Amino acid sequence: EEDEKPTFREVFATTSCKNRNLFACSQAGLINNLNDGMSWGV
């Protein structure tokens, strides 16, 4: 199911939400830095 030469739009969609493993990483990275941003401010 994996295209060896996907467009950037396809890579963005795959990394953001279409691939369950990459989605898990992306949301975890956002939340990790979210709590870091909170810690510096609050």
Full PDB file with SEQRES, HELIX, SHEET, SSBOND, CRYST1, ORIGX, SCALE, CONECT and MASTER records, all heavy atoms in Angstrom:
SEQRES   1 A   42  GLU GLU ASP GLU LYS PRO THR PHE ARG GLU VAL PHE ALA          
SEQRES   2 A   42  THR THR SER CYS LYS ASN ARG ASN LEU PHE ALA CYS SER          
SEQRES   3 A   42  GLN ALA GLY LEU ILE ASN ASN LEU ASN ASP GLY MET SER          
SEQRES   4 A   42  TRP GLY VAL                                                  
HELIX    1 AA1 PHE A    8  ALA A   13  1                                   6    
HELIX    2 AA2 THR A   14  LYS A   18  3                                   5    
HELIX    3 AA3 ARG A   20  GLY A   41  1                                  22    
CRYST1    1.000    1.000    1.000  90.00  90.00  90.00 P 1           1          
ORIGX1      1.000000  0.000000  0.000000        0.00000                         
ORIGX2      0.000000  1.000000  0.000000        0.00000                         
ORIGX3      0.000000  0.000000  1.000000        0.00000                         
SCALE1      1.000000  0.000000  0.000000        0.00000                         
SCALE2      0.000000  1.000000  0.000000        0.00000                         
SCALE3      0.000000  0.000000  1.000000        0.00000                         
ATOM      1  N   GLU A   1       0.813  -1.215   0.000  1.00  0.00           N  
ATOM      2  CA  GLU A   1       0.000   0.000   0.000  1.00  0.00           C  
ATOM      3  C   GLU A   1       0.842   1.259   0.000  1.00  0.00           C  
ATOM      4  O   GLU A   1       0.304   2.363  -0.050  1.00  0.00           O  
ATOM      5  CB  GLU A   1      -0.929  -0.003   1.230  1.00  0.00           C  
ATOM      6  CG  GLU A   1      -0.246   0.354   2.558  1.00  0.00           C  
ATOM      7  CD  GLU A   1       0.624  -0.765   3.128  1.00  0.00           C  
ATOM      8  OE1 GLU A   1       0.629  -1.851   2.531  1.00  0.00           O  
ATOM      9  OE2 GLU A   1       1.255  -0.551   4.189  1.00  0.00           O  
ATOM     10  N   GLU A   2       2.158   1.129   0.037  1.00  0.00           N  
ATOM     11  CA  GLU A   2       3.012   2.295   0.185  1.00  0.00           C  
ATOM     12  C   GLU A   2       3.618   2.701  -1.154  1.00  0.00           C  
ATOM     13  O   GLU A   2       4.266   1.902  -1.828  1.00  0.00           O  
ATOM     14  CB  GLU A   2       4.137   1.996   1.192  1.00  0.00           C  
ATOM     15  CG  GLU A   2       3.618   1.721   2.591  1.00  0.00           C  
ATOM     16  CD  GLU A   2       4.758   1.439   3.546  1.00  0.00           C  
ATOM     17  OE1 GLU A   2       5.332   2.393   4.098  1.00  0.00           O  
ATOM     18  OE2 GLU A   2       5.081   0.266   3.735  1.00  0.00           O  
ATOM     19  N   ASP A   3       3.396   3.944  -1.522  1.00  0.00           N  
ATOM     20  CA  ASP A   3       3.981   4.503  -2.734  1.00  0.00           C  
ATOM     21  C   ASP A   3       5.419   4.913  -2.445  1.00  0.00           C  
ATOM     22  O   ASP A   3       5.696   5.585  -1.467  1.00  0.00           O  
ATOM     23  CB  ASP A   3       3.151   5.725  -3.163  1.00  0.00           C  
ATOM     24  CG  ASP A   3       3.638   6.308  -4.487  1.00  0.00           C  
ATOM     25  OD1 ASP A   3       4.620   5.793  -5.039  1.00  0.00           O  
ATOM     26  OD2 ASP A   3       3.019   7.286  -4.935  1.00  0.00           O  
ATOM     27  N   GLU A   4       6.353   4.495  -3.300  1.00  0.00           N  
ATOM     28  CA  GLU A   4       7.756   4.804  -3.056  1.00  0.00           C  
ATOM     29  C   GLU A   4       8.061   6.275  -3.294  1.00  0.00           C  
ATOM     30  O   GLU A   4       9.033   6.801  -2.778  1.00  0.00           O  
ATOM     31  CB  GLU A   4       8.642   3.931  -3.956  1.00  0.00           C  
ATOM     32  CG  GLU A   4       8.601   2.451  -3.596  1.00  0.00           C  
ATOM     33  CD  GLU A   4       9.586   1.652  -4.408  1.00  0.00           C  
ATOM     34  OE1 GLU A   4      10.392   2.273  -5.145  1.00  0.00           O  
ATOM     35  OE2 GLU A   4       9.582   0.419  -4.329  1.00  0.00           O  
ATOM     36  N   LYS A   5       7.248   6.967  -4.108  1.00  0.00           N  
ATOM     37  CA  LYS A   5       7.481   8.380  -4.388  1.00  0.00           C  
ATOM     38  C   LYS A   5       6.184   9.173  -4.207  1.00  0.00           C  
ATOM     39  O   LYS A   5       5.610   9.693  -5.175  1.00  0.00           O  
ATOM     40  CB  LYS A   5       8.040   8.555  -5.801  1.00  0.00           C  
ATOM     41  CG  LYS A   5       9.426   7.946  -5.987  1.00  0.00           C  
ATOM     42  CD  LYS A   5       9.957   8.219  -7.383  1.00  0.00           C  
ATOM     43  CE  LYS A   5      11.359   7.646  -7.567  1.00  0.00           C  
ATOM     44  NZ  LYS A   5      11.904   7.903  -8.918  1.00  0.00           N  
ATOM     45  N   PRO A   6       5.689   9.279  -2.992  1.00  0.00           N  
ATOM     46  CA  PRO A   6       4.441  10.016  -2.764  1.00  0.00           C  
ATOM     47  C   PRO A   6       4.691  11.519  -2.859  1.00  0.00           C  
ATOM     48  O   PRO A   6       5.811  11.999  -2.721  1.00  0.00           O  
ATOM     49  CB  PRO A   6       4.054   9.620  -1.341  1.00  0.00           C  
ATOM     50  CG  PRO A   6       5.371   9.317  -0.680  1.00  0.00           C  
ATOM     51  CD  PRO A   6       6.229   8.713  -1.752  1.00  0.00           C  
ATOM     52  N   THR A   7       3.618  12.263  -3.100  1.00  0.00           N  
ATOM     53  CA  THR A   7       3.713  13.716  -3.072  1.00  0.00           C  
ATOM     54  C   THR A   7       3.816  14.186  -1.631  1.00  0.00           C  
ATOM     55  O   THR A   7       3.540  13.426  -0.685  1.00  0.00           O  
ATOM     56  CB  THR A   7       2.467  14.359  -3.714  1.00  0.00           C  
ATOM     57  OG1 THR A   7       1.314  14.036  -2.914  1.00  0.00           O  
ATOM     58  CG2 THR A   7       2.273  13.834  -5.129  1.00  0.00           C  
ATOM     59  N   PHE A   8       4.207  15.463  -1.447  1.00  0.00           N  
ATOM     60  CA  PHE A   8       4.306  15.974  -0.084  1.00  0.00           C  
ATOM     61  C   PHE A   8       2.938  15.977   0.593  1.00  0.00           C  
ATOM     62  O   PHE A   8       2.826  15.716   1.787  1.00  0.00           O  
ATOM     63  CB  PHE A   8       4.899  17.382  -0.060  1.00  0.00           C  
ATOM     64  CG  PHE A   8       5.017  17.939   1.326  1.00  0.00           C  
ATOM     65  CD1 PHE A   8       5.989  17.475   2.200  1.00  0.00           C  
ATOM     66  CD2 PHE A   8       4.134  18.908   1.773  1.00  0.00           C  
ATOM     67  CE1 PHE A   8       6.085  17.964   3.488  1.00  0.00           C  
ATOM     68  CE2 PHE A   8       4.222  19.412   3.063  1.00  0.00           C  
ATOM     69  CZ  PHE A   8       5.208  18.943   3.917  1.00  0.00           C  
ATOM     70  N   ARG A   9       1.879  16.272  -0.186  1.00  0.00           N  
ATOM     71  CA  ARG A   9       0.531  16.244   0.397  1.00  0.00           C  
ATOM     72  C   ARG A   9       0.200  14.858   0.921  1.00  0.00           C  
ATOM     73  O   ARG A   9      -0.400  14.712   2.004  1.00  0.00           O  
ATOM     74  CB  ARG A   9      -0.493  16.678  -0.648  1.00  0.00           C  
ATOM     75  CG  ARG A   9      -1.932  16.666  -0.156  1.00  0.00           C  
ATOM     76  CD  ARG A   9      -2.902  17.162  -1.219  1.00  0.00           C  
ATOM     77  NE  ARG A   9      -2.663  18.562  -1.535  1.00  0.00           N  
ATOM     78  CZ  ARG A   9      -3.396  19.260  -2.409  1.00  0.00           C  
ATOM     79  NH1 ARG A   9      -4.403  18.667  -3.049  1.00  0.00           N  
ATOM     80  NH2 ARG A   9      -3.137  20.528  -2.645  1.00  0.00           N  
ATOM     81  N   GLU A  10       0.585  13.835   0.180  1.00  0.00           N  
ATOM     82  CA  GLU A  10       0.336  12.465   0.629  1.00  0.00           C  
ATOM     83  C   GLU A  10       1.158  12.130   1.865  1.00  0.00           C  
ATOM     84  O   GLU A  10       0.661  11.469   2.793  1.00  0.00           O  
ATOM     85  CB  GLU A  10       0.657  11.490  -0.509  1.00  0.00           C  
ATOM     86  CG  GLU A  10      -0.314  11.573  -1.678  1.00  0.00           C  
ATOM     87  CD  GLU A  10       0.150  10.785  -2.889  1.00  0.00           C  
ATOM     88  OE1 GLU A  10       1.378  10.561  -3.030  1.00  0.00           O  
ATOM     89  OE2 GLU A  10      -0.714  10.406  -3.708  1.00  0.00           O  
ATOM     90  N   VAL A  11       2.414  12.598   1.900  1.00  0.00           N  
ATOM     91  CA  VAL A  11       3.257  12.362   3.081  1.00  0.00           C  
ATOM     92  C   VAL A  11       2.679  13.084   4.295  1.00  0.00           C  
ATOM     93  O   VAL A  11       2.653  12.537   5.412  1.00  0.00           O  
ATOM     94  CB  VAL A  11       4.702  12.825   2.818  1.00  0.00           C  
ATOM     95  CG1 VAL A  11       5.534  12.756   4.100  1.00  0.00           C  
ATOM     96  CG2 VAL A  11       5.350  11.972   1.737  1.00  0.00           C  
ATOM     97  N   PHE A  12       2.192  14.309   4.083  1.00  0.00           N  
ATOM     98  CA  PHE A  12       1.600  15.075   5.189  1.00  0.00           C  
ATOM     99  C   PHE A  12       0.387  14.337   5.753  1.00  0.00           C  
ATOM    100  O   PHE A  12       0.248  14.197   6.978  1.00  0.00           O  
ATOM    101  CB  PHE A  12       1.183  16.472   4.709  1.00  0.00           C  
ATOM    102  CG  PHE A  12       0.793  17.404   5.818  1.00  0.00           C  
ATOM    103  CD1 PHE A  12       1.725  18.274   6.364  1.00  0.00           C  
ATOM    104  CD2 PHE A  12      -0.498  17.409   6.333  1.00  0.00           C  
ATOM    105  CE1 PHE A  12       1.375  19.128   7.394  1.00  0.00           C  
ATOM    106  CE2 PHE A  12      -0.864  18.252   7.355  1.00  0.00           C  
ATOM    107  CZ  PHE A  12       0.066  19.123   7.896  1.00  0.00           C  
ATOM    108  N   ALA A  13      -0.472  13.848   4.867  1.00  0.00           N  
ATOM    109  CA  ALA A  13      -1.667  13.130   5.321  1.00  0.00           C  
ATOM    110  C   ALA A  13      -1.301  11.819   6.005  1.00  0.00           C  
ATOM    111  O   ALA A  13      -1.882  11.452   7.038  1.00  0.00           O  
ATOM    112  CB  ALA A  13      -2.598  12.870   4.134  1.00  0.00           C  
ATOM    113  N   THR A  14      -0.324  11.112   5.445  1.00  0.00           N  
ATOM    114  CA  THR A  14       0.091   9.833   6.022  1.00  0.00           C  
ATOM    115  C   THR A  14       0.681  10.016   7.404  1.00  0.00           C  
ATOM    116  O   THR A  14       0.344   9.290   8.352  1.00  0.00           O  
ATOM    117  CB  THR A  14       1.124   9.149   5.109  1.00  0.00           C  
ATOM    118  OG1 THR A  14       0.518   8.879   3.844  1.00  0.00           O  
ATOM    119  CG2 THR A  14       1.627   7.845   5.714  1.00  0.00           C  
ATOM    120  N   THR A  15       1.564  10.988   7.547  1.00  0.00           N  
ATOM    121  CA  THR A  15       2.225  11.218   8.831  1.00  0.00           C  
ATOM    122  C   THR A  15       1.259  11.785   9.864  1.00  0.00           C  
ATOM    123  O   THR A  15       1.360  11.467  11.056  1.00  0.00           O  
ATOM    124  CB  THR A  15       3.410  12.184   8.657  1.00  0.00           C  
ATOM    125  OG1 THR A  15       4.277  11.683   7.637  1.00  0.00           O  
ATOM    126  CG2 THR A  15       4.195  12.330   9.951  1.00  0.00           C  
ATOM    127  N   SER A  16       0.318  12.606   9.423  1.00  0.00           N  
ATOM    128  CA  SER A  16      -0.588  13.274  10.351  1.00  0.00           C  
ATOM    129  C   SER A  16      -1.707  12.365  10.848  1.00  0.00           C  
ATOM    130  O   SER A  16      -2.041  12.402  12.041  1.00  0.00           O  
ATOM    131  CB  SER A  16      -1.202  14.513   9.692  1.00  0.00           C  
ATOM    132  OG  SER A  16      -0.207  15.429   9.304  1.00  0.00           O  
ATOM    133  N   CYS A  17      -2.272  11.541   9.951  1.00  0.00           N  
ATOM    134  CA  CYS A  17      -3.456  10.795  10.391  1.00  0.00           C  
ATOM    135  C   CYS A  17      -3.685   9.457   9.695  1.00  0.00           C  
ATOM    136  O   CYS A  17      -4.295   8.561  10.279  1.00  0.00           O  
ATOM    137  CB  CYS A  17      -4.707  11.662  10.237  1.00  0.00           C  
ATOM    138  SG  CYS A  17      -4.979  12.273   8.555  1.00  0.00           S  
ATOM    139  N   LYS A  18      -3.233   9.268   8.466  1.00  0.00           N  
ATOM    140  CA  LYS A  18      -3.594   8.064   7.732  1.00  0.00           C  
ATOM    141  C   LYS A  18      -2.878   6.815   8.242  1.00  0.00           C  
ATOM    142  O   LYS A  18      -3.467   5.735   8.269  1.00  0.00           O  
ATOM    143  CB  LYS A  18      -3.310   8.262   6.230  1.00  0.00           C  
ATOM    144  CG  LYS A  18      -4.264   9.242   5.552  1.00  0.00           C  
ATOM    145  CD  LYS A  18      -3.955   9.393   4.074  1.00  0.00           C  
ATOM    146  CE  LYS A  18      -4.262   8.131   3.310  1.00  0.00           C  
ATOM    147  NZ  LYS A  18      -4.069   8.311   1.846  1.00  0.00           N  
ATOM    148  N   ASN A  19      -1.615   6.949   8.612  1.00  0.00           N  
ATOM    149  CA  ASN A  19      -0.868   5.830   9.177  1.00  0.00           C  
ATOM    150  C   ASN A  19      -1.006   5.857  10.695  1.00  0.00           C  
ATOM    151  O   ASN A  19      -0.636   6.845  11.336  1.00  0.00           O  
ATOM    152  CB  ASN A  19       0.605   5.925   8.760  1.00  0.00           C  
ATOM    153  CG  ASN A  19       1.438   4.765   9.263  1.00  0.00           C  
ATOM    154  OD1 ASN A  19       1.653   4.610  10.452  1.00  0.00           O  
ATOM    155  ND2 ASN A  19       1.927   3.956   8.337  1.00  0.00           N  
ATOM    156  N   ARG A  20      -1.538   4.814  11.294  1.00  0.00           N  
ATOM    157  CA  ARG A  20      -1.843   4.827  12.725  1.00  0.00           C  
ATOM    158  C   ARG A  20      -0.592   5.000  13.586  1.00  0.00           C  
ATOM    159  O   ARG A  20      -0.645   5.649  14.628  1.00  0.00           O  
ATOM    160  CB  ARG A  20      -2.578   3.547  13.118  1.00  0.00           C  
ATOM    161  CG  ARG A  20      -1.815   2.257  12.856  1.00  0.00           C  
ATOM    162  CD  ARG A  20      -2.665   1.037  13.133  1.00  0.00           C  
ATOM    163  NE  ARG A  20      -3.001   0.934  14.547  1.00  0.00           N  
ATOM    164  CZ  ARG A  20      -3.901   0.081  15.017  1.00  0.00           C  
ATOM    165  NH1 ARG A  20      -4.582  -0.711  14.187  1.00  0.00           N  
ATOM    166  NH2 ARG A  20      -4.144   0.021  16.317  1.00  0.00           N  
ATOM    167  N   ASN A  21       0.521   4.448  13.125  1.00  0.00           N  
ATOM    168  CA  ASN A  21       1.760   4.570  13.902  1.00  0.00           C  
ATOM    169  C   ASN A  21       2.305   6.000  13.846  1.00  0.00           C  
ATOM    170  O   ASN A  21       2.712   6.564  14.866  1.00  0.00           O  
ATOM    171  CB  ASN A  21       2.803   3.589  13.364  1.00  0.00           C  
ATOM    172  CG  ASN A  21       2.332   2.160  13.451  1.00  0.00           C  
ATOM    173  OD1 ASN A  21       2.046   1.637  14.521  1.00  0.00           O  
ATOM    174  ND2 ASN A  21       2.237   1.508  12.300  1.00  0.00           N  
ATOM    175  N   LEU A  22       2.311   6.589  12.643  1.00  0.00           N  
ATOM    176  CA  LEU A  22       2.799   7.955  12.503  1.00  0.00           C  
ATOM    177  C   LEU A  22       1.846   8.955  13.148  1.00  0.00           C  
ATOM    178  O   LEU A  22       2.275   9.972  13.707  1.00  0.00           O  
ATOM    179  CB  LEU A  22       3.007   8.280  11.024  1.00  0.00           C  
ATOM    180  CG  LEU A  22       4.128   7.489  10.332  1.00  0.00           C  
ATOM    181  CD1 LEU A  22       4.137   7.767   8.836  1.00  0.00           C  
ATOM    182  CD2 LEU A  22       5.487   7.837  10.943  1.00  0.00           C  
ATOM    183  N   PHE A  23       0.540   8.686  13.091  1.00  0.00           N  
ATOM    184  CA  PHE A  23      -0.424   9.529  13.807  1.00  0.00           C  
ATOM    185  C   PHE A  23      -0.152   9.510  15.302  1.00  0.00           C  
ATOM    186  O   PHE A  23      -0.171  10.558  15.968  1.00  0.00           O  
ATOM    187  CB  PHE A  23      -1.847   9.044  13.531  1.00  0.00           C  
ATOM    188  CG  PHE A  23      -2.836   9.500  14.572  1.00  0.00           C  
ATOM    189  CD1 PHE A  23      -3.264  10.822  14.623  1.00  0.00           C  
ATOM    190  CD2 PHE A  23      -3.316   8.605  15.521  1.00  0.00           C  
ATOM    191  CE1 PHE A  23      -4.162  11.245  15.593  1.00  0.00           C  
ATOM    192  CE2 PHE A  23      -4.215   9.021  16.501  1.00  0.00           C  
ATOM    193  CZ  PHE A  23      -4.643  10.344  16.540  1.00  0.00           C  
ATOM    194  N   ALA A  24       0.116   8.332  15.847  1.00  0.00           N  
ATOM    195  CA  ALA A  24       0.402   8.218  17.282  1.00  0.00           C  
ATOM    196  C   ALA A  24       1.624   9.056  17.653  1.00  0.00           C  
ATOM    197  O   ALA A  24       1.634   9.741  18.680  1.00  0.00           O  
ATOM    198  CB  ALA A  24       0.616   6.749  17.661  1.00  0.00           C  
ATOM    199  N   CYS A  25       2.646   9.009  16.797  1.00  0.00           N  
ATOM    200  CA  CYS A  25       3.860   9.797  17.056  1.00  0.00           C  
ATOM    201  C   CYS A  25       3.582  11.289  16.958  1.00  0.00           C  
ATOM    202  O   CYS A  25       4.056  12.075  17.797  1.00  0.00           O  
ATOM    203  CB  CYS A  25       4.954   9.407  16.064  1.00  0.00           C  
ATOM    204  SG  CYS A  25       5.603   7.740  16.253  1.00  0.00           S  
ATOM    205  N   SER A  26       2.827  11.699  15.950  1.00  0.00           N  
ATOM    206  CA  SER A  26       2.581  13.129  15.734  1.00  0.00           C  
ATOM    207  C   SER A  26       1.789  13.733  16.889  1.00  0.00           C  
ATOM    208  O   SER A  26       2.128  14.814  17.390  1.00  0.00           O  
ATOM    209  CB  SER A  26       1.835  13.346  14.409  1.00  0.00           C  
ATOM    210  OG  SER A  26       2.643  12.975  13.311  1.00  0.00           O  
ATOM    211  N   GLN A  27       0.732  13.048  17.319  1.00  0.00           N  
ATOM    212  CA  GLN A  27      -0.050  13.605  18.425  1.00  0.00           C  
ATOM    213  C   GLN A  27       0.744  13.570  19.728  1.00  0.00           C  
ATOM    214  O   GLN A  27       0.642  14.485  20.554  1.00  0.00           O  
ATOM    215  CB  GLN A  27      -1.393  12.872  18.559  1.00  0.00           C  
ATOM    216  CG  GLN A  27      -1.342  11.415  18.970  1.00  0.00           C  
ATOM    217  CD  GLN A  27      -1.213  11.200  20.465  1.00  0.00           C  
ATOM    218  OE1 GLN A  27      -1.692  12.011  21.267  1.00  0.00           O  
ATOM    219  NE2 GLN A  27      -0.554  10.124  20.852  1.00  0.00           N  
ATOM    220  N   ALA A  28       1.578  12.547  19.912  1.00  0.00           N  
ATOM    221  CA  ALA A  28       2.404  12.483  21.124  1.00  0.00           C  
ATOM    222  C   ALA A  28       3.439  13.598  21.138  1.00  0.00           C  
ATOM    223  O   ALA A  28       3.706  14.195  22.184  1.00  0.00           O  
ATOM    224  CB  ALA A  28       3.092  11.118  21.214  1.00  0.00           C  
ATOM    225  N   GLY A  29       4.036  13.889  19.971  1.00  0.00           N  
ATOM    226  CA  GLY A  29       4.996  14.986  19.897  1.00  0.00           C  
ATOM    227  C   GLY A  29       4.350  16.319  20.204  1.00  0.00           C  
ATOM    228  O   GLY A  29       4.913  17.152  20.934  1.00  0.00           O  
ATOM    229  N   LEU A  30       3.149  16.549  19.661  1.00  0.00           N  
ATOM    230  CA  LEU A  30       2.446  17.799  19.933  1.00  0.00           C  
ATOM    231  C   LEU A  30       2.129  17.944  21.415  1.00  0.00           C  
ATOM    232  O   LEU A  30       2.358  19.008  22.006  1.00  0.00           O  
ATOM    233  CB  LEU A  30       1.157  17.855  19.099  1.00  0.00           C  
ATOM    234  CG  LEU A  30       0.385  19.182  19.140  1.00  0.00           C  
ATOM    235  CD1 LEU A  30      -0.268  19.446  17.794  1.00  0.00           C  
ATOM    236  CD2 LEU A  30      -0.674  19.206  20.233  1.00  0.00           C  
ATOM    237  N   ILE A  31       1.623  16.885  22.042  1.00  0.00           N  
ATOM    238  CA  ILE A  31       1.272  16.952  23.465  1.00  0.00           C  
ATOM    239  C   ILE A  31       2.522  17.094  24.324  1.00  0.00           C  
ATOM    240  O   ILE A  31       2.528  17.823  25.334  1.00  0.00           O  
ATOM    241  CB  ILE A  31       0.479  15.704  23.883  1.00  0.00           C  
ATOM    242  CG1 ILE A  31      -0.861  15.669  23.146  1.00  0.00           C  
ATOM    243  CG2 ILE A  31       0.258  15.681  25.378  1.00  0.00           C  
ATOM    244  CD1 ILE A  31      -1.780  16.837  23.450  1.00  0.00           C  
ATOM    245  N   ASN A  32       3.613  16.430  23.942  1.00  0.00           N  
ATOM    246  CA  ASN A  32       4.858  16.551  24.704  1.00  0.00           C  
ATOM    247  C   ASN A  32       5.323  18.000  24.756  1.00  0.00           C  
ATOM    248  O   ASN A  32       5.675  18.523  25.815  1.00  0.00           O  
ATOM    249  CB  ASN A  32       5.937  15.676  24.067  1.00  0.00           C  
ATOM    250  CG  ASN A  32       7.272  15.800  24.774  1.00  0.00           C  
ATOM    251  OD1 ASN A  32       7.522  15.168  25.791  1.00  0.00           O  
ATOM    252  ND2 ASN A  32       8.162  16.625  24.251  1.00  0.00           N  
ATOM    253  N   ASN A  33       5.338  18.672  23.612  1.00  0.00           N  
ATOM    254  CA  ASN A  33       5.777  20.066  23.589  1.00  0.00           C  
ATOM    255  C   ASN A  33       4.703  21.014  24.106  1.00  0.00           C  
ATOM    256  O   ASN A  33       5.014  22.120  24.557  1.00  0.00           O  
ATOM    257  CB  ASN A  33       6.208  20.457  22.176  1.00  0.00           C  
ATOM    258  CG  ASN A  33       7.595  19.940  21.849  1.00  0.00           C  
ATOM    259  OD1 ASN A  33       8.093  19.049  22.526  1.00  0.00           O  
ATOM    260  ND2 ASN A  33       8.220  20.494  20.835  1.00  0.00           N  
ATOM    261  N   LEU A  34       3.437  20.577  24.054  1.00  0.00           N  
ATOM    262  CA  LEU A  34       2.366  21.364  24.656  1.00  0.00           C  
ATOM    263  C   LEU A  34       2.593  21.497  26.152  1.00  0.00           C  
ATOM    264  O   LEU A  34       2.493  22.588  26.718  1.00  0.00           O  
ATOM    265  CB  LEU A  34       1.022  20.704  24.360  1.00  0.00           C  
ATOM    266  CG  LEU A  34      -0.250  21.414  24.847  1.00  0.00           C  
ATOM    267  CD1 LEU A  34      -1.401  21.134  23.889  1.00  0.00           C  
ATOM    268  CD2 LEU A  34      -0.654  20.954  26.252  1.00  0.00           C  
ATOM    269  N   ASN A  35       2.912  20.378  26.821  1.00  0.00           N  
ATOM    270  CA  ASN A  35       3.136  20.492  28.273  1.00  0.00           C  
ATOM    271  C   ASN A  35       4.434  21.226  28.598  1.00  0.00           C  
ATOM    272  O   ASN A  35       4.555  21.855  29.646  1.00  0.00           O  
ATOM    273  CB  ASN A  35       3.038  19.129  28.977  1.00  0.00           C  
ATOM    274  CG  ASN A  35       4.129  18.159  28.607  1.00  0.00           C  
ATOM    275  OD1 ASN A  35       5.310  18.470  28.659  1.00  0.00           O  
ATOM    276  ND2 ASN A  35       3.745  16.934  28.250  1.00  0.00           N  
ATOM    277  N   ASP A  36       5.398  21.175  27.667  1.00  0.00           N  
ATOM    278  CA  ASP A  36       6.619  21.954  27.876  1.00  0.00           C  
ATOM    279  C   ASP A  36       6.327  23.451  27.774  1.00  0.00           C  
ATOM    280  O   ASP A  36       6.800  24.256  28.581  1.00  0.00           O  
ATOM    281  CB  ASP A  36       7.675  21.545  26.849  1.00  0.00           C  
ATOM    282  CG  ASP A  36       9.039  22.150  27.139  1.00  0.00           C  
ATOM    283  OD1 ASP A  36       9.397  22.262  28.328  1.00  0.00           O  
ATOM    284  OD2 ASP A  36       9.737  22.516  26.189  1.00  0.00           O  
ATOM    285  N   GLY A  37       5.517  23.827  26.755  1.00  0.00           N  
ATOM    286  CA  GLY A  37       5.133  25.231  26.625  1.00  0.00           C  
ATOM    287  C   GLY A  37       4.358  25.715  27.831  1.00  0.00           C  
ATOM    288  O   GLY A  37       4.535  26.849  28.301  1.00  0.00           O  
ATOM    289  N   MET A  38       3.470  24.847  28.348  1.00  0.00           N  
ATOM    290  CA  MET A  38       2.732  25.191  29.556  1.00  0.00           C  
ATOM    291  C   MET A  38       3.668  25.389  30.737  1.00  0.00           C  
ATOM    292  O   MET A  38       3.526  26.336  31.525  1.00  0.00           O  
ATOM    293  CB  MET A  38       1.713  24.088  29.867  1.00  0.00           C  
ATOM    294  CG  MET A  38       0.877  24.312  31.128  1.00  0.00           C  
ATOM    295  SD  MET A  38       1.681  23.867  32.707  1.00  0.00           S  
ATOM    296  CE  MET A  38       2.006  22.109  32.483  1.00  0.00           C  
ATOM    297  N   SER A  39       4.653  24.511  30.868  1.00  0.00           N  
ATOM    298  CA  SER A  39       5.529  24.570  32.041  1.00  0.00           C  
ATOM    299  C   SER A  39       6.327  25.871  32.085  1.00  0.00           C  
ATOM    300  O   SER A  39       6.520  26.446  33.165  1.00  0.00           O  
ATOM    301  CB  SER A  39       6.481  23.361  32.046  1.00  0.00           C  
ATOM    302  OG  SER A  39       7.512  23.506  31.086  1.00  0.00           O  
ATOM    303  N   TRP A  40       6.770  26.351  30.925  1.00  0.00           N  
ATOM    304  CA  TRP A  40       7.544  27.597  30.912  1.00  0.00           C  
ATOM    305  C   TRP A  40       6.675  28.805  31.241  1.00  0.00           C  
ATOM    306  O   TRP A  40       7.135  29.766  31.851  1.00  0.00           O  
ATOM    307  CB  TRP A  40       8.219  27.779  29.552  1.00  0.00           C  
ATOM    308  CG  TRP A  40       9.419  26.916  29.382  1.00  0.00           C  
ATOM    309  CD1 TRP A  40       9.500  25.763  28.649  1.00  0.00           C  
ATOM    310  CD2 TRP A  40      10.697  27.086  29.980  1.00  0.00           C  
ATOM    311  NE1 TRP A  40      10.756  25.209  28.755  1.00  0.00           N  
ATOM    312  CE2 TRP A  40      11.518  26.006  29.564  1.00  0.00           C  
ATOM    313  CE3 TRP A  40      11.245  28.044  30.829  1.00  0.00           C  
ATOM    314  CZ2 TRP A  40      12.836  25.865  29.971  1.00  0.00           C  
ATOM    315  CZ3 TRP A  40      12.566  27.904  31.224  1.00  0.00           C  
ATOM    316  CH2 TRP A  40      13.338  26.833  30.798  1.00  0.00           C  
ATOM    317  N   GLY A  41       5.410  28.762  30.830  1.00  0.00           N  
ATOM    318  CA  GLY A  41       4.553  29.917  31.053  1.00  0.00           C  
ATOM    319  C   GLY A  41       3.855  29.926  32.395  1.00  0.00           C  
ATOM    320  O   GLY A  41       3.744  30.972  33.046  1.00  0.00           O  
ATOM    321  N   VAL A  42       3.375  28.756  32.849  1.00  0.00           N  
ATOM    322  CA  VAL A  42       2.499  28.691  34.019  1.00  0.00           C  
ATOM    323  C   VAL A  42       3.248  28.344  35.304  1.00  0.00           C  
ATOM    324  O   VAL A  42       2.955  28.915  36.368  1.00  0.00           O  
ATOM    325  CB  VAL A  42       1.359  27.677  33.776  1.00  0.00           C  
ATOM    326  CG1 VAL A  42       0.536  27.447  35.046  1.00  0.00           C  
ATOM    327  CG2 VAL A  42       0.455  28.177  32.658  1.00  0.00           C  
TER     328      VAL A  42                                                      
MASTER        0    0    0    3    0    0    0    6  327    1    0    4          
END                                                                             
